[in-house]
N, C-alpha and C. Protein backbone atom coordinates (compact mmCIF):
# COMPACT_ATOMS: atom_id res chain seq x y z
N ILE A 1 -4.20 -1.39 25.01
CA ILE A 1 -4.08 -0.46 23.90
C ILE A 1 -2.60 -0.11 23.76
N ILE A 2 -2.17 0.13 22.54
CA ILE A 2 -0.77 0.50 22.27
C ILE A 2 -0.74 1.97 21.86
N ASP A 3 0.13 2.74 22.52
CA ASP A 3 0.19 4.18 22.24
C ASP A 3 1.17 4.47 21.10
N ARG A 4 1.36 5.75 20.81
CA ARG A 4 2.22 6.16 19.69
C ARG A 4 3.68 5.75 19.88
N GLU A 5 4.12 5.65 21.13
CA GLU A 5 5.50 5.27 21.42
C GLU A 5 5.67 3.75 21.51
N ARG A 6 4.60 3.03 21.16
CA ARG A 6 4.58 1.56 21.15
C ARG A 6 4.61 0.97 22.56
N ASN A 7 4.13 1.74 23.55
CA ASN A 7 3.97 1.23 24.91
C ASN A 7 2.61 0.55 25.00
N LEU A 8 2.54 -0.54 25.74
CA LEU A 8 1.30 -1.26 25.95
C LEU A 8 0.68 -0.80 27.27
N TRP A 9 -0.61 -0.40 27.22
CA TRP A 9 -1.37 0.02 28.40
C TRP A 9 -2.40 -1.06 28.70
N ILE A 10 -2.49 -1.44 29.98
CA ILE A 10 -3.41 -2.50 30.40
C ILE A 10 -4.21 -2.01 31.60
N GLY A 11 -5.52 -2.08 31.49
CA GLY A 11 -6.39 -1.76 32.62
C GLY A 11 -6.63 -3.01 33.44
N THR A 12 -6.53 -2.89 34.76
CA THR A 12 -6.69 -4.04 35.64
C THR A 12 -7.73 -3.73 36.73
N HIS A 13 -7.88 -4.65 37.64
CA HIS A 13 -8.75 -4.44 38.81
C HIS A 13 -8.03 -3.62 39.88
N ASN A 14 -6.74 -3.42 39.72
CA ASN A 14 -5.94 -2.71 40.72
C ASN A 14 -5.26 -1.47 40.15
N GLY A 15 -5.72 -0.97 39.03
CA GLY A 15 -5.11 0.22 38.46
C GLY A 15 -4.73 0.03 37.00
N LEU A 16 -3.81 0.85 36.58
CA LEU A 16 -3.38 0.90 35.19
C LEU A 16 -1.92 0.50 35.12
N ALA A 17 -1.56 -0.33 34.14
CA ALA A 17 -0.18 -0.74 33.94
C ALA A 17 0.27 -0.31 32.55
N LYS A 18 1.48 0.19 32.47
CA LYS A 18 2.07 0.61 31.20
C LYS A 18 3.38 -0.15 31.03
N LEU A 19 3.47 -0.95 29.95
CA LEU A 19 4.70 -1.66 29.64
C LEU A 19 5.56 -0.73 28.79
N GLU A 20 6.66 -0.29 29.40
CA GLU A 20 7.53 0.71 28.79
C GLU A 20 8.97 0.23 28.87
N SER A 21 9.60 0.05 27.73
CA SER A 21 11.00 -0.41 27.70
C SER A 21 11.21 -1.68 28.51
N GLU A 22 10.33 -2.65 28.31
CA GLU A 22 10.42 -3.96 28.93
C GLU A 22 10.23 -3.96 30.45
N ARG A 23 9.61 -2.88 31.00
CA ARG A 23 9.27 -2.88 32.43
C ARG A 23 7.91 -2.24 32.61
N PHE A 24 7.20 -2.69 33.64
CA PHE A 24 5.89 -2.15 33.92
C PHE A 24 5.97 -0.94 34.85
N VAL A 25 5.19 0.09 34.49
CA VAL A 25 4.97 1.24 35.36
C VAL A 25 3.50 1.17 35.75
N ASN A 26 3.21 1.22 37.04
CA ASN A 26 1.84 1.07 37.53
C ASN A 26 1.29 2.39 38.04
N PHE A 27 -0.02 2.60 37.83
CA PHE A 27 -0.72 3.79 38.29
C PHE A 27 -1.95 3.35 39.06
N ASP A 28 -2.26 4.07 40.16
CA ASP A 28 -3.45 3.77 40.94
C ASP A 28 -4.02 5.07 41.53
N LYS A 29 -4.84 4.96 42.56
CA LYS A 29 -5.48 6.14 43.15
C LYS A 29 -4.45 7.16 43.65
N ARG A 30 -3.31 6.69 44.13
CA ARG A 30 -2.26 7.61 44.61
C ARG A 30 -1.72 8.49 43.50
N ASP A 31 -1.87 8.03 42.25
CA ASP A 31 -1.38 8.78 41.10
C ASP A 31 -2.45 9.68 40.48
N GLY A 32 -3.71 9.56 40.97
CA GLY A 32 -4.76 10.41 40.45
C GLY A 32 -5.94 9.70 39.81
N LEU A 33 -5.91 8.38 39.74
CA LEU A 33 -7.07 7.66 39.22
C LEU A 33 -8.21 7.74 40.23
N PRO A 34 -9.45 7.94 39.77
CA PRO A 34 -10.57 7.99 40.71
C PRO A 34 -10.86 6.64 41.36
N ASN A 35 -10.40 5.55 40.75
CA ASN A 35 -10.63 4.21 41.25
C ASN A 35 -9.64 3.28 40.58
N GLY A 36 -9.31 2.18 41.24
CA GLY A 36 -8.37 1.23 40.65
C GLY A 36 -8.95 0.28 39.64
N LEU A 37 -10.28 0.17 39.59
CA LEU A 37 -10.93 -0.75 38.67
C LEU A 37 -11.10 -0.08 37.31
N ILE A 38 -10.30 -0.50 36.33
CA ILE A 38 -10.28 0.11 35.00
C ILE A 38 -11.21 -0.68 34.08
N PHE A 39 -12.15 0.05 33.45
CA PHE A 39 -13.07 -0.58 32.51
C PHE A 39 -12.71 -0.31 31.05
N SER A 40 -12.13 0.86 30.76
CA SER A 40 -11.91 1.21 29.35
C SER A 40 -10.70 2.11 29.19
N LEU A 41 -10.07 1.98 28.02
CA LEU A 41 -8.91 2.80 27.64
C LEU A 41 -9.10 3.26 26.21
N ALA A 42 -8.65 4.48 25.92
CA ALA A 42 -8.68 4.99 24.55
C ALA A 42 -7.61 6.06 24.41
N ALA A 43 -7.08 6.19 23.21
CA ALA A 43 -6.12 7.25 22.91
C ALA A 43 -6.77 8.22 21.92
N ASP A 44 -6.54 9.51 22.12
CA ASP A 44 -7.09 10.48 21.17
C ASP A 44 -6.06 10.80 20.09
N ARG A 45 -6.41 11.69 19.19
CA ARG A 45 -5.54 12.02 18.05
C ARG A 45 -4.20 12.61 18.48
N GLU A 46 -4.19 13.28 19.62
CA GLU A 46 -2.97 13.90 20.12
C GLU A 46 -2.09 12.90 20.87
N GLY A 47 -2.60 11.69 21.06
CA GLY A 47 -1.85 10.67 21.78
C GLY A 47 -2.12 10.66 23.27
N ASP A 48 -3.07 11.47 23.74
CA ASP A 48 -3.42 11.48 25.16
C ASP A 48 -4.19 10.21 25.48
N MET A 49 -3.98 9.67 26.67
CA MET A 49 -4.62 8.42 27.08
C MET A 49 -5.80 8.72 27.99
N TRP A 50 -6.96 8.17 27.66
CA TRP A 50 -8.20 8.34 28.42
C TRP A 50 -8.49 7.04 29.14
N ILE A 51 -8.85 7.14 30.44
CA ILE A 51 -9.06 5.98 31.27
C ILE A 51 -10.44 6.05 31.92
N GLY A 52 -11.28 5.07 31.65
CA GLY A 52 -12.58 4.97 32.28
C GLY A 52 -12.52 4.00 33.44
N THR A 53 -12.93 4.46 34.62
CA THR A 53 -12.87 3.63 35.82
C THR A 53 -14.26 3.40 36.40
N ASP A 54 -14.30 2.63 37.46
CA ASP A 54 -15.56 2.35 38.15
C ASP A 54 -16.15 3.61 38.79
N ASN A 55 -15.32 4.62 39.02
CA ASN A 55 -15.78 5.85 39.68
C ASN A 55 -15.50 7.11 38.89
N GLY A 56 -15.17 7.02 37.60
CA GLY A 56 -14.94 8.26 36.87
C GLY A 56 -14.05 8.15 35.66
N LEU A 57 -13.59 9.32 35.22
CA LEU A 57 -12.83 9.46 33.98
C LEU A 57 -11.56 10.26 34.24
N THR A 58 -10.45 9.77 33.69
CA THR A 58 -9.15 10.42 33.83
C THR A 58 -8.51 10.51 32.45
N VAL A 59 -7.71 11.56 32.24
CA VAL A 59 -6.92 11.67 31.02
C VAL A 59 -5.46 11.90 31.40
N ILE A 60 -4.57 11.27 30.65
CA ILE A 60 -3.14 11.49 30.83
C ILE A 60 -2.64 12.25 29.61
N VAL A 61 -2.15 13.44 29.84
CA VAL A 61 -1.56 14.29 28.80
C VAL A 61 -0.08 14.42 29.15
N GLY A 62 0.77 13.87 28.29
CA GLY A 62 2.20 13.85 28.62
C GLY A 62 2.41 13.01 29.87
N ASN A 63 2.95 13.61 30.91
CA ASN A 63 3.15 12.91 32.18
C ASN A 63 2.18 13.36 33.25
N ARG A 64 1.16 14.11 32.87
CA ARG A 64 0.20 14.66 33.85
C ARG A 64 -1.14 13.93 33.78
N MET A 65 -1.59 13.44 34.93
CA MET A 65 -2.87 12.74 35.04
C MET A 65 -3.89 13.71 35.63
N THR A 66 -5.05 13.85 34.94
CA THR A 66 -6.10 14.76 35.38
C THR A 66 -7.42 14.01 35.52
N ASP A 67 -8.04 14.12 36.69
CA ASP A 67 -9.34 13.51 36.94
C ASP A 67 -10.42 14.43 36.38
N LEU A 68 -11.22 13.93 35.44
CA LEU A 68 -12.26 14.72 34.78
C LEU A 68 -13.66 14.40 35.32
N THR A 69 -13.75 13.62 36.37
CA THR A 69 -15.03 13.15 36.88
C THR A 69 -15.98 14.28 37.23
N SER A 70 -15.47 15.39 37.73
CA SER A 70 -16.33 16.49 38.16
C SER A 70 -16.99 17.23 37.01
N LEU A 71 -16.61 16.95 35.76
CA LEU A 71 -17.19 17.65 34.62
C LEU A 71 -18.66 17.30 34.39
N HIS A 72 -19.06 16.11 34.79
CA HIS A 72 -20.46 15.69 34.62
C HIS A 72 -20.78 14.66 35.70
N PRO A 73 -21.93 14.81 36.39
CA PRO A 73 -22.24 13.89 37.50
C PRO A 73 -22.37 12.42 37.08
N LYS A 74 -22.76 12.13 35.86
CA LYS A 74 -22.90 10.74 35.41
C LYS A 74 -21.55 10.02 35.32
N LEU A 75 -20.46 10.78 35.14
CA LEU A 75 -19.15 10.14 35.06
C LEU A 75 -18.80 9.40 36.34
N ALA A 76 -19.28 9.89 37.48
CA ALA A 76 -18.98 9.26 38.77
C ALA A 76 -19.67 7.91 38.93
N THR A 77 -20.64 7.61 38.07
CA THR A 77 -21.32 6.31 38.15
C THR A 77 -20.48 5.22 37.51
N GLY A 78 -19.41 5.57 36.86
CA GLY A 78 -18.54 4.59 36.22
C GLY A 78 -18.55 4.73 34.72
N VAL A 79 -17.37 4.75 34.12
CA VAL A 79 -17.22 4.88 32.67
C VAL A 79 -16.92 3.50 32.11
N ARG A 80 -17.91 2.92 31.43
CA ARG A 80 -17.80 1.54 30.95
C ARG A 80 -17.14 1.44 29.57
N PHE A 81 -17.29 2.48 28.73
CA PHE A 81 -16.59 2.44 27.45
C PHE A 81 -16.20 3.84 27.03
N LEU A 82 -15.17 3.90 26.20
CA LEU A 82 -14.71 5.15 25.59
C LEU A 82 -14.64 4.92 24.09
N TYR A 83 -15.04 5.93 23.34
CA TYR A 83 -15.05 5.80 21.88
C TYR A 83 -14.62 7.12 21.27
N ARG A 84 -13.63 7.05 20.39
CA ARG A 84 -13.18 8.24 19.66
C ARG A 84 -13.88 8.28 18.31
N THR A 85 -14.59 9.37 18.04
CA THR A 85 -15.31 9.50 16.78
C THR A 85 -14.34 9.87 15.66
N ARG A 86 -14.81 9.77 14.43
CA ARG A 86 -13.96 10.11 13.28
C ARG A 86 -13.46 11.55 13.31
N ASP A 87 -14.30 12.44 13.87
CA ASP A 87 -13.89 13.85 13.93
C ASP A 87 -13.08 14.18 15.19
N GLY A 88 -12.71 13.14 15.98
CA GLY A 88 -11.80 13.33 17.10
C GLY A 88 -12.45 13.53 18.46
N ARG A 89 -13.78 13.56 18.53
CA ARG A 89 -14.43 13.71 19.83
C ARG A 89 -14.33 12.40 20.61
N MET A 90 -14.26 12.52 21.94
CA MET A 90 -14.23 11.34 22.79
C MET A 90 -15.59 11.22 23.47
N LEU A 91 -16.21 10.04 23.35
CA LEU A 91 -17.49 9.77 23.98
C LEU A 91 -17.26 8.78 25.12
N ALA A 92 -17.96 9.02 26.24
CA ALA A 92 -17.86 8.13 27.40
C ALA A 92 -19.22 7.53 27.67
N GLY A 93 -19.29 6.22 27.73
CA GLY A 93 -20.52 5.52 28.08
C GLY A 93 -20.50 5.19 29.56
N CYS A 94 -21.50 5.64 30.28
CA CYS A 94 -21.53 5.54 31.73
C CYS A 94 -22.49 4.47 32.22
N GLU A 95 -22.32 4.10 33.47
CA GLU A 95 -23.14 3.07 34.10
C GLU A 95 -24.62 3.34 33.98
N GLU A 96 -25.03 4.59 34.14
CA GLU A 96 -26.45 4.93 34.12
C GLU A 96 -26.93 5.28 32.70
N PHE A 97 -26.40 4.59 31.72
CA PHE A 97 -26.85 4.68 30.32
C PHE A 97 -26.71 6.06 29.70
N ALA A 98 -25.77 6.84 30.15
CA ALA A 98 -25.53 8.16 29.58
C ALA A 98 -24.32 8.09 28.67
N VAL A 99 -24.37 8.81 27.58
CA VAL A 99 -23.21 8.98 26.71
C VAL A 99 -22.83 10.44 26.78
N ILE A 100 -21.61 10.71 27.19
CA ILE A 100 -21.16 12.07 27.44
C ILE A 100 -20.04 12.41 26.48
N GLU A 101 -20.14 13.59 25.88
CA GLU A 101 -19.11 14.05 24.94
C GLU A 101 -18.14 14.96 25.65
């Protein structure tokens, strides 16, 4: 996914990579991701980056990474897709067939 600043974000099996000014910046569990296996990425209207992993959900606002997995128990089963609705809500599709707003 490409963000507002034209940086490329790539989810991998070992974390998240951001191509910024022709160099990669990598993020993993040490940075706050619940798991290194990234399944989905989405950006919201404010430009915040949402990351769905094998063990939960994280959002990056500015330079701060926040683990949101504790907000709902189904998030810990793995977030397989993220979808931003027309009205700006973010939906998370989880391993156990739950869609969480």
